Amino acid sequence: MWIAALVFTSVLIVFLMAVFFLTPNMTPDQRRIVHFLFPLLAGFSTFFLGGSALLEFASGMAQGAKLSLSATAGVAVFFACYLYPPYFLRLASAGVGSFTEVETGVEATKALLKSPVPTNVDGVAQRKKFAKELYRNCRRWSQVLLETFDKAGDRWVRQGKAAATEMSEKQQRDLMKLDYWSLESNSQVLGFLKEDERFRAFADACSTYYRMAIDLNAGVHGRIRDSLYGETAHTGPEIAQEVAAWKERVESMLHPVTDEYQRLKTTLGF
C-alpha cells in the first residue's frame, strides 16, 4: 500500500507543477477537471504520510438550510483540498479579477456568488474579503465590456454588419449563461453582506451593476442585430459615436459601486 501511496504522492507533485507552469490560463472546463483531480490525488496520497486527519465543516445554504460534513483520513484530505484548493486552482480567485472574455467572466462570477460563507470566522473580516472580491469582479467586467464594445465597433467598420452581429450574438449567448437573477436570489455572499447594515448599500450597488451590465449588453446586441436588416449604411464616425456612448454607459454604471467601496474602505479601514 505504501508503494501505491508514494506513487500517488509523486504524481500529485508532478501534476501540480505541470498545471502551474504549462497551463497558466486554463479554460473553465479544464479548471473544473483539475479542481476535482487535485483533491482526489491528495486523498490517495495520505497513506504515505504519518498521523491522522479530521475535518468538520458546516455552512449555511439557501432558504435557511444547513450543510454539515465530518470526515477522517483520506476522505478528510479530499474534502479539505476540494473546498480550499491552491489559489491557482480556485475558480473564484482565479477569475474574479483576471478574466479577459465574457465566457470566463461568467464562470468567475458564478463561482464568486456561489461561494459558501465560512462559519466560525470574523464576520467583518470575511465581509471585507467578499467586498474586495466583488469590487474587483465588477471592475473587471467593466474593462471586458469596454474592450468587447471596441472590438464589435471595429469589426462593424472593417468587416461589416454581419461580422459584428455574429460577434455580438456569441457574447450575448455567453452572458445569458450567467442566469444572474437566479444567482442573485440564492447567493450566500450577497445575503451575507446585506445582513450587516454597513455593507448593504455596497451589495445593492453590485447587484444593480450586474443587472445593468446585462441589460446594456442586450441593448448593444439588439442595436447591432437590427442594423443588419436595415437599409441605412453606417459610416465609421457614426459607429464610433455609438461605441463611445456604450462605453460611457459602462463607466457610469461602475461609479456607484466604486463610491460605496471607497466609503467602506474609509469607514472600516481596509
C-alpha atoms as a PDB file:
ATOM      1  CA  MET A   1       0.000   0.000   0.000  1.00  0.00           C
ATOM      2  CA  TRP A   2       2.767   2.453   0.822  1.00  0.00           C
ATOM      3  CA  ILE A   3       4.167   1.995  -2.684  1.00  0.00           C
ATOM      4  CA  ALA A   4       0.834   2.997  -4.205  1.00  0.00           C
ATOM      5  CA  ALA A   5       0.633   5.984  -1.866  1.00  0.00           C
ATOM      6  CA  LEU A   6       4.168   7.023  -2.828  1.00  0.00           C
ATOM      7  CA  VAL A   7       3.224   6.815  -6.487  1.00  0.00           C
ATOM      8  CA  PHE A   8       0.135   8.968  -5.947  1.00  0.00           C
ATOM      9  CA  THR A   9       2.192  11.499  -3.976  1.00  0.00           C
ATOM     10  CA  SER A  10       4.759  11.716  -6.764  1.00  0.00           C
ATOM     11  CA  VAL A  11       2.038  12.051  -9.386  1.00  0.00           C
ATOM     12  CA  LEU A  12       0.388  14.780  -7.312  1.00  0.00           C
ATOM     13  CA  ILE A  13       3.586  16.836  -7.142  1.00  0.00           C
ATOM     14  CA  VAL A  14       4.297  16.457 -10.866  1.00  0.00           C
ATOM     15  CA  PHE A  15       0.636  17.154 -11.653  1.00  0.00           C
ATOM     16  CA  LEU A  16       0.568  20.448  -9.729  1.00  0.00           C
ATOM     17  CA  MET A  17       3.874  21.582 -11.240  1.00  0.00           C
ATOM     18  CA  ALA A  18       2.587  20.831 -14.739  1.00  0.00           C
ATOM     19  CA  VAL A  19      -0.694  22.656 -14.101  1.00  0.00           C
ATOM     20  CA  PHE A  20       1.057  25.700 -12.691  1.00  0.00           C
ATOM     21  CA  PHE A  21       3.744  26.080 -15.355  1.00  0.00           C
ATOM     22  CA  LEU A  22       2.193  24.595 -18.507  1.00  0.00           C
ATOM     23  CA  THR A  23      -1.404  25.836 -18.296  1.00  0.00           C
ATOM     24  CA  PRO A  24      -1.406  29.292 -16.685  1.00  0.00           C
ATOM     25  CA  ASN A  25      -4.646  30.187 -18.484  1.00  0.00           C
ATOM     26  CA  MET A  26      -6.915  27.163 -18.213  1.00  0.00           C
ATOM     27  CA  THR A  27     -10.331  27.064 -19.795  1.00  0.00           C
ATOM     28  CA  PRO A  28     -13.314  26.752 -17.414  1.00  0.00           C
ATOM     29  CA  ASP A  29     -13.716  23.061 -18.330  1.00  0.00           C
ATOM     30  CA  GLN A  30     -10.021  22.349 -17.694  1.00  0.00           C
ATOM     31  CA  ARG A  31     -10.224  24.122 -14.350  1.00  0.00           C
ATOM     32  CA  ARG A  32     -13.220  22.038 -13.265  1.00  0.00           C
ATOM     33  CA  ILE A  33     -11.414  18.777 -14.089  1.00  0.00           C
ATOM     34  CA  VAL A  34      -8.211  19.853 -12.350  1.00  0.00           C
ATOM     35  CA  HIS A  35     -10.209  21.094  -9.377  1.00  0.00           C
ATOM     36  CA  PHE A  36     -11.507  17.534  -8.908  1.00  0.00           C
ATOM     37  CA  LEU A  37      -8.302  15.608  -9.735  1.00  0.00           C
ATOM     38  CA  PHE A  38      -6.144  17.550  -7.289  1.00  0.00           C
ATOM     39  CA  PRO A  39      -8.055  16.576  -4.090  1.00  0.00           C
ATOM     40  CA  LEU A  40      -8.502  13.026  -5.418  1.00  0.00           C
ATOM     41  CA  LEU A  41      -4.743  12.557  -5.751  1.00  0.00           C
ATOM     42  CA  ALA A  42      -4.181  14.271  -2.396  1.00  0.00           C
ATOM     43  CA  GLY A  43      -6.604  11.886  -0.700  1.00  0.00           C
ATOM     44  CA  PHE A  44      -4.932   8.802  -2.220  1.00  0.00           C
ATOM     45  CA  SER A  45      -1.502  10.007  -1.156  1.00  0.00           C
ATOM     46  CA  THR A  46      -2.374  10.268   2.562  1.00  0.00           C
ATOM     47  CA  PHE A  47      -1.402   6.639   3.242  1.00  0.00           C
ATOM     48  CA  PHE A  48       2.209   7.665   2.621  1.00  0.00           C
ATOM     49  CA  LEU A  49       2.028  10.317   5.347  1.00  0.00           C
ATOM     50  CA  GLY A  50       2.011   9.609   9.081  1.00  0.00           C
ATOM     51  CA  GLY A  51      -0.534  10.931  11.562  1.00  0.00           C
ATOM     52  CA  SER A  52      -4.295  11.372  11.187  1.00  0.00           C
ATOM     53  CA  ALA A  53      -6.674  13.906   9.713  1.00  0.00           C
ATOM     54  CA  LEU A  54     -10.120  15.035  10.831  1.00  0.00           C
ATOM     55  CA  LEU A  55     -12.359  17.512   9.041  1.00  0.00           C
ATOM     56  CA  GLU A  56     -15.574  19.057  10.303  1.00  0.00           C
ATOM     57  CA  PHE A  57     -17.309  21.574   8.068  1.00  0.00           C
ATOM     58  CA  ALA A  58     -20.601  23.449   8.421  1.00  0.00           C
ATOM     59  CA  SER A  59     -22.110  26.022   6.110  1.00  0.00           C
ATOM     60  CA  GLY A  60     -25.415  27.780   5.611  1.00  0.00           C
ATOM     61  CA  MET A  61     -27.291  27.193   2.370  1.00  0.00           C
ATOM     62  CA  ALA A  62     -30.107  28.907   0.574  1.00  0.00           C
ATOM     63  CA  GLN A  63     -33.527  29.129   2.215  1.00  0.00           C
ATOM     64  CA  GLY A  64     -32.108  28.545   5.693  1.00  0.00           C
ATOM     65  CA  ALA A  65     -30.830  25.001   5.089  1.00  0.00           C
ATOM     66  CA  LYS A  66     -27.633  23.796   6.776  1.00  0.00           C
ATOM     67  CA  LEU A  67     -24.862  21.607   5.385  1.00  0.00           C
ATOM     68  CA  SER A  68     -22.595  19.676   7.771  1.00  0.00           C
ATOM     69  CA  LEU A  69     -19.723  17.360   6.914  1.00  0.00           C
ATOM     70  CA  SER A  70     -17.461  15.181   9.032  1.00  0.00           C
ATOM     71  CA  ALA A  71     -14.642  13.065   7.578  1.00  0.00           C
ATOM     72  CA  THR A  72     -11.369  11.410   8.570  1.00  0.00           C
ATOM     73  CA  ALA A  73      -8.151  10.196   6.906  1.00  0.00           C
ATOM     74  CA  GLY A  74      -8.060  10.338   3.109  1.00  0.00           C
ATOM     75  CA  VAL A  75     -11.681  11.480   2.816  1.00  0.00           C
ATOM     76  CA  ALA A  76     -10.916  14.421   5.109  1.00  0.00           C
ATOM     77  CA  VAL A  77      -7.928  15.401   2.989  1.00  0.00           C
ATOM     78  CA  PHE A  78     -10.011  15.055  -0.180  1.00  0.00           C
ATOM     79  CA  PHE A  79     -12.727  17.416   1.051  1.00  0.00           C
ATOM     80  CA  ALA A  80     -10.225  19.854   2.563  1.00  0.00           C
ATOM     81  CA  CYS A  81      -8.345  20.113  -0.741  1.00  0.00           C
ATOM     82  CA  TYR A  82     -11.574  20.310  -2.726  1.00  0.00           C
ATOM     83  CA  LEU A  83     -13.054  23.083  -0.592  1.00  0.00           C
ATOM     84  CA  TYR A  84      -9.788  25.000  -0.183  1.00  0.00           C
ATOM     85  CA  PRO A  85      -7.585  24.303  -3.227  1.00  0.00           C
ATOM     86  CA  PRO A  86      -4.403  26.236  -4.117  1.00  0.00           C
ATOM     87  CA  TYR A  87      -5.040  29.777  -5.307  1.00  0.00           C
ATOM     88  CA  PHE A  88      -4.261  28.957  -8.944  1.00  0.00           C
ATOM     89  CA  LEU A  89      -6.973  26.265  -8.994  1.00  0.00           C
ATOM     90  CA  ARG A  90      -9.751  28.188  -7.263  1.00  0.00           C
ATOM     91  CA  LEU A  91     -12.437  29.198  -9.736  1.00  0.00           C
ATOM     92  CA  ALA A  92     -13.361  32.328  -7.888  1.00  0.00           C
ATOM     93  CA  SER A  93      -9.886  33.643  -7.157  1.00  0.00           C
ATOM     94  CA  ALA A  94      -8.511  32.606 -10.488  1.00  0.00           C
ATOM     95  CA  GLY A  95     -11.144  34.516 -12.353  1.00  0.00           C
ATOM     96  CA  VAL A  96     -12.514  37.265 -10.108  1.00  0.00           C
ATOM     97  CA  GLY A  97     -10.291  39.995 -11.469  1.00  0.00           C
ATOM     98  CA  SER A  98      -8.263  38.345 -14.200  1.00  0.00           C
ATOM     99  CA  PHE A  99     -10.715  37.122 -16.821  1.00  0.00           C
ATOM    100  CA  THR A 100     -10.469  38.626 -20.292  1.00  0.00           C
ATOM    101  CA  GLU A 101     -13.614  37.363 -22.042  1.00  0.00           C
ATOM    102  CA  VAL A 102     -17.332  37.188 -21.320  1.00  0.00           C
ATOM    103  CA  GLU A 103     -17.307  33.368 -21.158  1.00  0.00           C
ATOM    104  CA  THR A 104     -14.616  33.183 -18.460  1.00  0.00           C
ATOM    105  CA  GLY A 105     -16.171  36.168 -16.696  1.00  0.00           C
ATOM    106  CA  VAL A 106     -19.434  34.268 -16.379  1.00  0.00           C
ATOM    107  CA  GLU A 107     -17.628  31.320 -14.775  1.00  0.00           C
ATOM    108  CA  ALA A 108     -15.722  33.597 -12.395  1.00  0.00           C
ATOM    109  CA  THR A 109     -18.845  35.478 -11.326  1.00  0.00           C
ATOM    110  CA  LYS A 110     -20.803  32.275 -10.778  1.00  0.00           C
ATOM    111  CA  ALA A 111     -18.016  30.873  -8.625  1.00  0.00           C
ATOM    112  CA  LEU A 112     -17.798  34.078  -6.585  1.00  0.00           C
ATOM    113  CA  LEU A 113     -21.524  34.484  -5.945  1.00  0.00           C
ATOM    114  CA  LYS A 114     -21.922  30.776  -5.179  1.00  0.00           C
ATOM    115  CA  SER A 115     -19.059  30.792  -2.681  1.00  0.00           C
ATOM    116  CA  PRO A 116     -20.022  29.290   0.695  1.00  0.00           C
ATOM    117  CA  VAL A 117     -19.844  31.565   3.714  1.00  0.00           C
ATOM    118  CA  PRO A 118     -17.419  30.076   6.271  1.00  0.00           C
ATOM    119  CA  THR A 119     -18.666  29.674   9.808  1.00  0.00           C
ATOM    120  CA  ASN A 120     -16.765  30.479  12.986  1.00  0.00           C
ATOM    121  CA  VAL A 121     -14.841  33.339  11.369  1.00  0.00           C
ATOM    122  CA  ASP A 122     -14.619  37.072  11.982  1.00  0.00           C
ATOM    123  CA  GLY A 123     -17.754  38.346  10.240  1.00  0.00           C
ATOM    124  CA  VAL A 124     -16.350  41.798   9.464  1.00  0.00           C
ATOM    125  CA  ALA A 125     -13.088  40.409   8.087  1.00  0.00           C
ATOM    126  CA  GLN A 126     -14.966  37.934   5.889  1.00  0.00           C
ATOM    127  CA  ARG A 127     -17.289  40.644   4.612  1.00  0.00           C
ATOM    128  CA  LYS A 128     -14.298  42.836   3.775  1.00  0.00           C
ATOM    129  CA  LYS A 129     -12.829  39.941   1.792  1.00  0.00           C
ATOM    130  CA  PHE A 130     -16.049  39.366  -0.154  1.00  0.00           C
ATOM    131  CA  ALA A 131     -16.444  43.107  -0.770  1.00  0.00           C
ATOM    132  CA  LYS A 132     -12.941  43.304  -2.196  1.00  0.00           C
ATOM    133  CA  GLU A 133     -13.570  40.333  -4.499  1.00  0.00           C
ATOM    134  CA  LEU A 134     -16.913  41.729  -5.679  1.00  0.00           C
ATOM    135  CA  TYR A 135     -15.380  45.110  -6.424  1.00  0.00           C
ATOM    136  CA  ARG A 136     -12.559  43.529  -8.410  1.00  0.00           C
ATOM    137  CA  ASN A 137     -15.098  41.452 -10.314  1.00  0.00           C
ATOM    138  CA  CYS A 138     -17.232  44.476 -11.202  1.00  0.00           C
ATOM    139  CA  ARG A 139     -14.207  46.468 -12.308  1.00  0.00           C
ATOM    140  CA  ARG A 140     -13.007  43.629 -14.498  1.00  0.00           C
ATOM    141  CA  TRP A 141     -16.457  43.266 -16.038  1.00  0.00           C
ATOM    142  CA  SER A 142     -16.356  46.950 -16.957  1.00  0.00           C
ATOM    143  CA  GLN A 143     -12.979  46.519 -18.620  1.00  0.00           C
ATOM    144  CA  VAL A 144     -14.151  43.445 -20.538  1.00  0.00           C
ATOM    145  CA  LEU A 145     -17.296  45.218 -21.736  1.00  0.00           C
ATOM    146  CA  LEU A 146     -15.275  48.249 -22.850  1.00  0.00           C
ATOM    147  CA  GLU A 147     -12.881  46.023 -24.785  1.00  0.00           C
ATOM    148  CA  THR A 148     -15.623  43.921 -26.396  1.00  0.00           C
ATOM    149  CA  PHE A 149     -17.606  47.003 -27.446  1.00  0.00           C
ATOM    150  CA  ASP A 150     -14.447  48.379 -29.046  1.00  0.00           C
ATOM    151  CA  LYS A 151     -13.914  45.102 -30.884  1.00  0.00           C
ATOM    152  CA  ALA A 152     -17.530  44.996 -32.031  1.00  0.00           C
ATOM    153  CA  GLY A 153     -17.312  48.543 -33.365  1.00  0.00           C
ATOM    154  CA  ASP A 154     -14.034  47.830 -35.118  1.00  0.00           C
ATOM    155  CA  ARG A 155     -15.466  44.703 -36.723  1.00  0.00           C
ATOM    156  CA  TRP A 156     -18.573  46.641 -37.753  1.00  0.00           C
ATOM    157  CA  VAL A 157     -16.392  49.178 -39.567  1.00  0.00           C
ATOM    158  CA  ARG A 158     -13.852  46.782 -41.092  1.00  0.00           C
ATOM    159  CA  GLN A 159     -15.898  43.659 -41.826  1.00  0.00           C
ATOM    160  CA  GLY A 160     -19.474  44.874 -41.954  1.00  0.00           C
ATOM    161  CA  LYS A 161     -22.748  44.374 -40.099  1.00  0.00           C
ATOM    162  CA  ALA A 162     -22.871  40.590 -40.412  1.00  0.00           C
ATOM    163  CA  ALA A 163     -19.470  40.074 -38.773  1.00  0.00           C
ATOM    164  CA  ALA A 164     -20.338  42.461 -35.941  1.00  0.00           C
ATOM    165  CA  THR A 165     -23.686  40.733 -35.423  1.00  0.00           C
ATOM    166  CA  GLU A 166     -22.047  37.302 -35.232  1.00  0.00           C
ATOM    167  CA  MET A 167     -19.640  38.525 -32.562  1.00  0.00           C
ATOM    168  CA  SER A 168     -22.435  40.233 -30.630  1.00  0.00           C
ATOM    169  CA  GLU A 169     -24.633  37.133 -30.679  1.00  0.00           C
ATOM    170  CA  LYS A 170     -21.861  34.969 -29.224  1.00  0.00           C
ATOM    171  CA  GLN A 171     -21.248  37.465 -26.441  1.00  0.00           C
ATOM    172  CA  GLN A 172     -24.955  37.641 -25.654  1.00  0.00           C
ATOM    173  CA  ARG A 173     -25.258  33.828 -25.528  1.00  0.00           C
ATOM    174  CA  ASP A 174     -22.271  33.607 -23.198  1.00  0.00           C
ATOM    175  CA  LEU A 175     -23.618  36.299 -20.883  1.00  0.00           C
ATOM    176  CA  MET A 176     -27.064  34.733 -20.639  1.00  0.00           C
ATOM    177  CA  LYS A 177     -25.419  31.606 -19.193  1.00  0.00           C
ATOM    178  CA  LEU A 178     -24.852  33.639 -16.039  1.00  0.00           C
ATOM    179  CA  ASP A 179     -28.564  33.382 -15.159  1.00  0.00           C
ATOM    180  CA  TYR A 180     -27.940  36.296 -12.813  1.00  0.00           C
ATOM    181  CA  TRP A 181     -31.423  36.718 -11.349  1.00  0.00           C
ATOM    182  CA  SER A 182     -31.432  33.157 -10.021  1.00  0.00           C
ATOM    183  CA  LEU A 183     -27.829  33.574  -8.903  1.00  0.00           C
ATOM    184  CA  GLU A 184     -28.618  36.768  -7.007  1.00  0.00           C
ATOM    185  CA  SER A 185     -31.601  35.358  -5.142  1.00  0.00           C
ATOM    186  CA  ASN A 186     -29.611  32.322  -3.951  1.00  0.00           C
ATOM    187  CA  SER A 187     -26.225  33.934  -3.368  1.00  0.00           C
ATOM    188  CA  GLN A 188     -24.893  33.390   0.144  1.00  0.00           C
ATOM    189  CA  VAL A 189     -22.264  36.074  -0.463  1.00  0.00           C
ATOM    190  CA  LEU A 190     -24.740  38.852  -1.259  1.00  0.00           C
ATOM    191  CA  GLY A 191     -27.042  37.732   1.540  1.00  0.00           C
ATOM    192  CA  PHE A 192     -24.144  37.639   3.995  1.00  0.00           C
ATOM    193  CA  LEU A 193     -23.104  41.188   3.082  1.00  0.00           C
ATOM    194  CA  LYS A 194     -26.651  42.527   3.353  1.00  0.00           C
ATOM    195  CA  GLU A 195     -27.016  41.129   6.866  1.00  0.00           C
ATOM    196  CA  ASP A 196     -24.623  43.868   8.021  1.00  0.00           C
ATOM    197  CA  GLU A 197     -26.069  47.355   7.567  1.00  0.00           C
ATOM    198  CA  ARG A 198     -22.615  48.755   6.796  1.00  0.00           C
ATOM    199  CA  PHE A 199     -22.210  46.510   3.740  1.00  0.00           C
ATOM    200  CA  ARG A 200     -25.802  46.531   2.487  1.00  0.00           C
ATOM    201  CA  ALA A 201     -25.522  49.573   0.210  1.00  0.00           C
ATOM    202  CA  PHE A 202     -22.395  48.157  -1.411  1.00  0.00           C
ATOM    203  CA  ALA A 203     -24.048  44.780  -2.023  1.00  0.00           C
ATOM    204  CA  ASP A 204     -27.076  46.530  -3.526  1.00  0.00           C
ATOM    205  CA  ALA A 205     -24.802  48.616  -5.766  1.00  0.00           C
ATOM    206  CA  CYS A 206     -23.083  45.461  -7.035  1.00  0.00           C
ATOM    207  CA  SER A 207     -26.437  43.777  -7.719  1.00  0.00           C
ATOM    208  CA  THR A 208     -27.641  46.824  -9.631  1.00  0.00           C
ATOM    209  CA  TYR A 209     -24.393  46.921 -11.608  1.00  0.00           C
ATOM    210  CA  TYR A 210     -24.706  43.296 -12.737  1.00  0.00           C
ATOM    211  CA  ARG A 211     -28.312  43.822 -13.822  1.00  0.00           C
ATOM    212  CA  MET A 212     -27.476  46.991 -15.732  1.00  0.00           C
ATOM    213  CA  ALA A 213     -24.486  45.347 -17.416  1.00  0.00           C
ATOM    214  CA  ILE A 214     -26.690  42.513 -18.658  1.00  0.00           C
ATOM    215  CA  ASP A 215     -29.335  44.957 -19.898  1.00  0.00           C
ATOM    216  CA  LEU A 216     -26.740  47.134 -21.620  1.00  0.00           C
ATOM    217  CA  ASN A 217     -25.145  44.197 -23.390  1.00  0.00           C
ATOM    218  CA  ALA A 218     -28.578  43.036 -24.565  1.00  0.00           C
ATOM    219  CA  GLY A 219     -29.292  46.552 -25.861  1.00  0.00           C
ATOM    220  CA  VAL A 220     -25.997  46.709 -27.738  1.00  0.00           C
ATOM    221  CA  HIS A 221     -26.647  43.285 -29.236  1.00  0.00           C
ATOM    222  CA  GLY A 222     -30.114  44.395 -30.341  1.00  0.00           C
ATOM    223  CA  ARG A 223     -28.745  47.570 -31.895  1.00  0.00           C
ATOM    224  CA  ILE A 224     -26.089  45.709 -33.914  1.00  0.00           C
ATOM    225  CA  ARG A 225     -28.535  42.966 -34.916  1.00  0.00           C
ATOM    226  CA  ASP A 226     -31.159  45.454 -36.075  1.00  0.00           C
ATOM    227  CA  SER A 227     -28.583  47.265 -38.202  1.00  0.00           C
ATOM    228  CA  LEU A 228     -28.039  44.037 -40.137  1.00  0.00           C
ATOM    229  CA  TYR A 229     -31.579  44.199 -41.504  1.00  0.00           C
ATOM    230  CA  GLY A 230     -31.704  47.938 -42.003  1.00  0.00           C
ATOM    231  CA  GLU A 231     -31.050  49.626 -45.304  1.00  0.00           C
ATOM    232  CA  THR A 232     -29.072  52.547 -43.884  1.00  0.00           C
ATOM    233  CA  ALA A 233     -25.302  52.245 -44.162  1.00  0.00           C
ATOM    234  CA  HIS A 234     -23.444  53.490 -41.096  1.00  0.00           C
ATOM    235  CA  THR A 235     -20.216  55.396 -41.572  1.00  0.00           C
ATOM    236  CA  GLY A 236     -17.122  54.915 -39.446  1.00  0.00           C
ATOM    237  CA  PRO A 237     -17.664  58.128 -37.436  1.00  0.00           C
ATOM    238  CA  GLU A 238     -21.309  57.188 -36.748  1.00  0.00           C
ATOM    239  CA  ILE A 239     -20.296  53.764 -35.467  1.00  0.00           C
ATOM    240  CA  ALA A 240     -17.532  55.302 -33.357  1.00  0.00           C
ATOM    241  CA  GLN A 241     -20.093  57.654 -31.832  1.00  0.00           C
ATOM    242  CA  GLU A 242     -22.356  54.745 -30.878  1.00  0.00           C
ATOM    243  CA  VAL A 243     -19.468  52.797 -29.361  1.00  0.00           C
ATOM    244  CA  ALA A 244     -18.439  55.865 -27.347  1.00  0.00           C
ATOM    245  CA  ALA A 245     -21.986  56.110 -25.945  1.00  0.00           C
ATOM    246  CA  TRP A 246     -21.927  52.422 -24.933  1.00  0.00           C
ATOM    247  CA  LYS A 247     -18.566  52.852 -23.218  1.00  0.00           C
ATOM    248  CA  GLU A 248     -19.736  55.971 -21.384  1.00  0.00           C
ATOM    249  CA  ARG A 249     -22.670  53.978 -20.079  1.00  0.00           C
ATOM    250  CA  VAL A 250     -20.337  51.237 -18.798  1.00  0.00           C
ATOM    251  CA  GLU A 251     -18.206  53.743 -16.924  1.00  0.00           C
ATOM    252  CA  SER A 252     -21.212  55.457 -15.358  1.00  0.00           C
ATOM    253  CA  MET A 253     -22.619  52.118 -14.155  1.00  0.00           C
ATOM    254  CA  LEU A 254     -19.461  51.401 -12.159  1.00  0.00           C
ATOM    255  CA  HIS A 255     -19.432  54.751 -10.322  1.00  0.00           C
ATOM    256  CA  PRO A 256     -21.945  53.792  -7.578  1.00  0.00           C
ATOM    257  CA  VAL A 257     -20.040  50.561  -6.896  1.00  0.00           C
ATOM    258  CA  THR A 258     -16.768  52.466  -6.624  1.00  0.00           C
ATOM    259  CA  ASP A 259     -18.319  55.133  -4.389  1.00  0.00           C
ATOM    260  CA  GLU A 260     -19.733  52.546  -1.974  1.00  0.00           C
ATOM    261  CA  TYR A 261     -16.487  50.574  -1.925  1.00  0.00           C
ATOM    262  CA  GLN A 262     -14.462  53.691  -1.147  1.00  0.00           C
ATOM    263  CA  ARG A 263     -16.925  54.515   1.632  1.00  0.00           C
ATOM    264  CA  LEU A 264     -16.368  51.072   3.123  1.00  0.00           C
ATOM    265  CA  LYS A 265     -12.602  51.471   2.911  1.00  0.00           C
ATOM    266  CA  THR A 266     -12.795  54.833   4.643  1.00  0.00           C
ATOM    267  CA  THR A 267     -15.174  53.820   7.428  1.00  0.00           C
ATOM    268  CA  LEU A 268     -13.830  50.305   8.098  1.00  0.00           C
ATOM    269  CA  GLY A 269     -10.191  50.799   7.169  1.00  0.00           C
ATOM    270  CA  PHE A 270      -9.304  48.208   4.531  1.00  0.00           C
END
